[in-house]
Amino acid sequence: MINLTPFLLFEDDKCAEAMAFYHSCLGGELTITRVGDMPMKDQVPSDLHHKVAHAHLKSGAIEFSATDWQHRTRTPKQGNTVAMYINGGTYSQLREIFDKLAAGADKDVLDDLHDLSFGTYGHLADKYGVHWFFQGEKKPEA
């Protein structure tokens, strides 16, 4: 079986910090491997050894990976071309995750959780510029 999971590339060596933040929001198991910890480290310039070669977060059905930008001749361009999509779950589950990810988020790119015909929907761009979309069960009626 082939699985597709999102993969994020962070500039300015923010991968470990960002993945630790996501781990605090989502829970689960986080693994981080730095370039200097890999068997092939001697084939890589020493000034890259502190960078994250691969980070992986798995929390239930949520799973994604990331790395620090390491390409010497290409320039990273942060934008809205990569996003994370969290779907399913109860309104309270989504609310908890949404509120944690919203800490430090760009308020101009924040669409709070609200009910639509298909369920609860929300969107935000977190403090690292990563866009998150939410869809799940409607908020229970009081």
Protein backbone atom coordinates (compact mmCIF):
# COMPACT_ATOMS: atom_id res chain seq x y z
CA MET A 1 0.00 0.00 0.00
CA ILE A 2 1.30 3.44 -0.94
CA ASN A 3 0.54 6.28 1.48
CA LEU A 4 0.72 9.97 0.78
CA THR A 5 1.65 12.25 3.66
CA PRO A 6 2.53 15.94 3.56
CA PHE A 7 6.18 16.97 3.60
CA LEU A 8 7.34 20.42 4.68
CA LEU A 9 10.62 22.21 3.95
CA PHE A 10 11.64 24.91 6.42
CA GLU A 11 14.06 27.73 5.80
CA ASP A 12 16.25 29.39 8.45
CA ASP A 13 16.77 26.06 10.27
CA LYS A 14 13.24 26.17 11.77
CA CYS A 15 12.34 22.51 11.19
CA ALA A 16 13.12 21.18 14.70
CA GLU A 17 11.40 24.14 16.36
CA ALA A 18 8.32 23.87 14.13
CA MET A 19 8.00 20.11 14.53
CA ALA A 20 8.32 20.40 18.33
CA PHE A 21 5.50 22.96 18.23
CA TYR A 22 3.32 20.67 16.10
CA HIS A 23 4.10 17.80 18.48
CA SER A 24 2.93 19.93 21.43
CA CYS A 25 -0.31 20.65 19.56
CA LEU A 26 -1.02 17.19 18.15
CA GLY A 27 0.73 14.78 20.51
CA GLY A 28 1.96 11.45 19.16
CA GLU A 29 5.52 10.40 18.37
CA LEU A 30 8.12 12.78 16.93
CA THR A 31 11.48 11.66 15.57
CA ILE A 32 14.16 14.09 14.41
CA THR A 33 17.36 13.07 12.62
CA ARG A 34 20.02 15.69 11.98
CA VAL A 35 22.47 15.55 9.08
CA GLY A 36 25.35 15.08 11.54
CA ASP A 37 23.66 11.96 12.97
CA MET A 38 23.47 10.18 9.61
CA PRO A 39 25.97 7.57 8.39
CA MET A 40 26.62 9.69 5.26
CA LYS A 41 27.54 12.83 7.27
CA ASP A 42 31.13 12.73 5.97
CA GLN A 43 29.80 13.27 2.44
CA VAL A 44 28.05 16.50 3.51
CA PRO A 45 29.78 19.79 4.36
CA SER A 46 30.14 20.15 8.13
CA ASP A 47 28.27 23.48 8.14
CA LEU A 48 25.10 21.47 7.31
CA HIS A 49 25.48 18.90 10.12
CA HIS A 50 23.21 20.87 12.51
CA LYS A 51 20.30 20.86 10.04
CA VAL A 52 17.37 18.46 10.30
CA ALA A 53 17.68 15.80 7.60
CA HIS A 54 14.31 14.23 8.41
CA ALA A 55 11.62 14.81 11.01
CA HIS A 56 8.51 12.66 11.27
CA LEU A 57 5.38 13.15 13.38
CA LYS A 58 2.70 10.49 13.78
CA SER A 59 -0.31 10.98 16.02
CA GLY A 60 -3.13 8.56 15.30
CA ALA A 61 -4.27 9.15 11.72
CA ILE A 62 -2.22 12.38 11.46
CA GLU A 63 1.20 11.84 9.90
CA PHE A 64 3.69 14.11 8.13
CA SER A 65 7.40 14.69 7.64
CA ALA A 66 9.69 17.69 7.25
CA THR A 67 13.28 18.82 6.74
CA ASP A 68 15.42 21.94 6.88
CA TRP A 69 16.19 23.48 3.50
CA GLN A 70 19.63 22.21 2.46
CA HIS A 71 19.96 22.87 -1.25
CA ARG A 72 22.97 25.09 -1.91
CA THR A 73 21.89 26.66 -5.22
CA ARG A 74 18.10 26.88 -4.97
CA THR A 75 16.22 29.43 -2.89
CA PRO A 76 13.20 28.41 -0.80
CA LYS A 77 9.99 30.40 -1.28
CA GLN A 78 7.57 30.27 1.61
CA GLY A 79 4.02 30.49 0.41
CA ASN A 80 0.65 28.88 0.35
CA THR A 81 1.57 26.01 -1.98
CA VAL A 82 1.90 23.50 0.86
CA ALA A 83 -0.87 22.92 3.37
CA MET A 84 -1.93 20.49 6.03
CA TYR A 85 -5.49 19.13 6.01
CA ILE A 86 -7.03 17.74 9.18
CA ASN A 87 -10.40 16.12 8.59
CA GLY A 88 -12.71 14.02 10.69
CA GLY A 89 -13.13 14.14 14.43
CA THR A 90 -15.51 15.90 16.72
CA TYR A 91 -15.87 19.63 16.97
CA SER A 92 -14.16 19.64 20.40
CA GLN A 93 -11.18 17.69 19.02
CA LEU A 94 -10.82 20.12 16.14
CA ARG A 95 -11.28 23.13 18.45
CA GLU A 96 -8.45 21.97 20.74
CA ILE A 97 -5.99 21.48 17.87
CA PHE A 98 -7.10 24.66 16.08
CA ASP A 99 -6.62 26.81 19.18
CA LYS A 100 -3.12 25.42 19.82
CA LEU A 101 -2.02 25.97 16.22
CA ALA A 102 -3.51 29.47 16.26
CA ALA A 103 -0.98 30.58 18.91
CA GLY A 104 1.10 33.21 17.11
CA ALA A 105 -0.81 32.69 13.85
CA ASP A 106 -1.31 35.43 11.28
CA LYS A 107 -4.69 36.90 12.26
CA ASP A 108 -5.20 38.15 8.67
CA VAL A 109 -5.16 34.52 7.47
CA LEU A 110 -7.39 32.99 10.14
CA ASP A 111 -10.89 31.69 9.41
CA ASP A 112 -12.15 30.43 12.78
CA LEU A 113 -14.01 27.12 13.04
CA HIS A 114 -17.63 27.49 11.98
CA ASP A 115 -20.43 25.25 10.74
CA LEU A 116 -21.18 24.89 7.05
CA SER A 117 -23.54 22.50 5.28
CA PHE A 118 -20.91 19.72 5.23
CA GLY A 119 -19.74 20.18 8.85
CA THR A 120 -17.26 22.33 10.71
CA TYR A 121 -14.67 24.19 8.64
CA GLY A 122 -11.72 26.39 9.57
CA HIS A 123 -8.38 27.61 8.22
CA LEU A 124 -5.28 29.34 9.56
CA ALA A 125 -1.68 30.09 8.67
CA ASP A 126 0.43 29.26 11.73
CA LYS A 127 3.40 31.22 13.07
CA TYR A 128 5.67 29.40 10.59
CA GLY A 129 3.53 30.34 7.57
CA VAL A 130 2.13 26.82 7.13
CA HIS A 131 -1.55 26.75 6.16
CA TRP A 132 -3.89 24.37 8.02
CA PHE A 133 -7.40 23.43 6.87
CA PHE A 134 -9.92 21.77 9.19
CA GLN A 135 -13.11 19.86 8.43
CA GLY A 136 -15.11 17.66 10.78
CA GLU A 137 -18.34 17.18 12.65
CA LYS A 138 -20.59 20.16 13.30
CA LYS A 139 -20.55 21.83 16.70
CA PRO A 140 -23.10 20.12 18.98
CA GLU A 141 -26.21 22.16 19.63
CA ALA A 142 -26.39 23.54 23.15
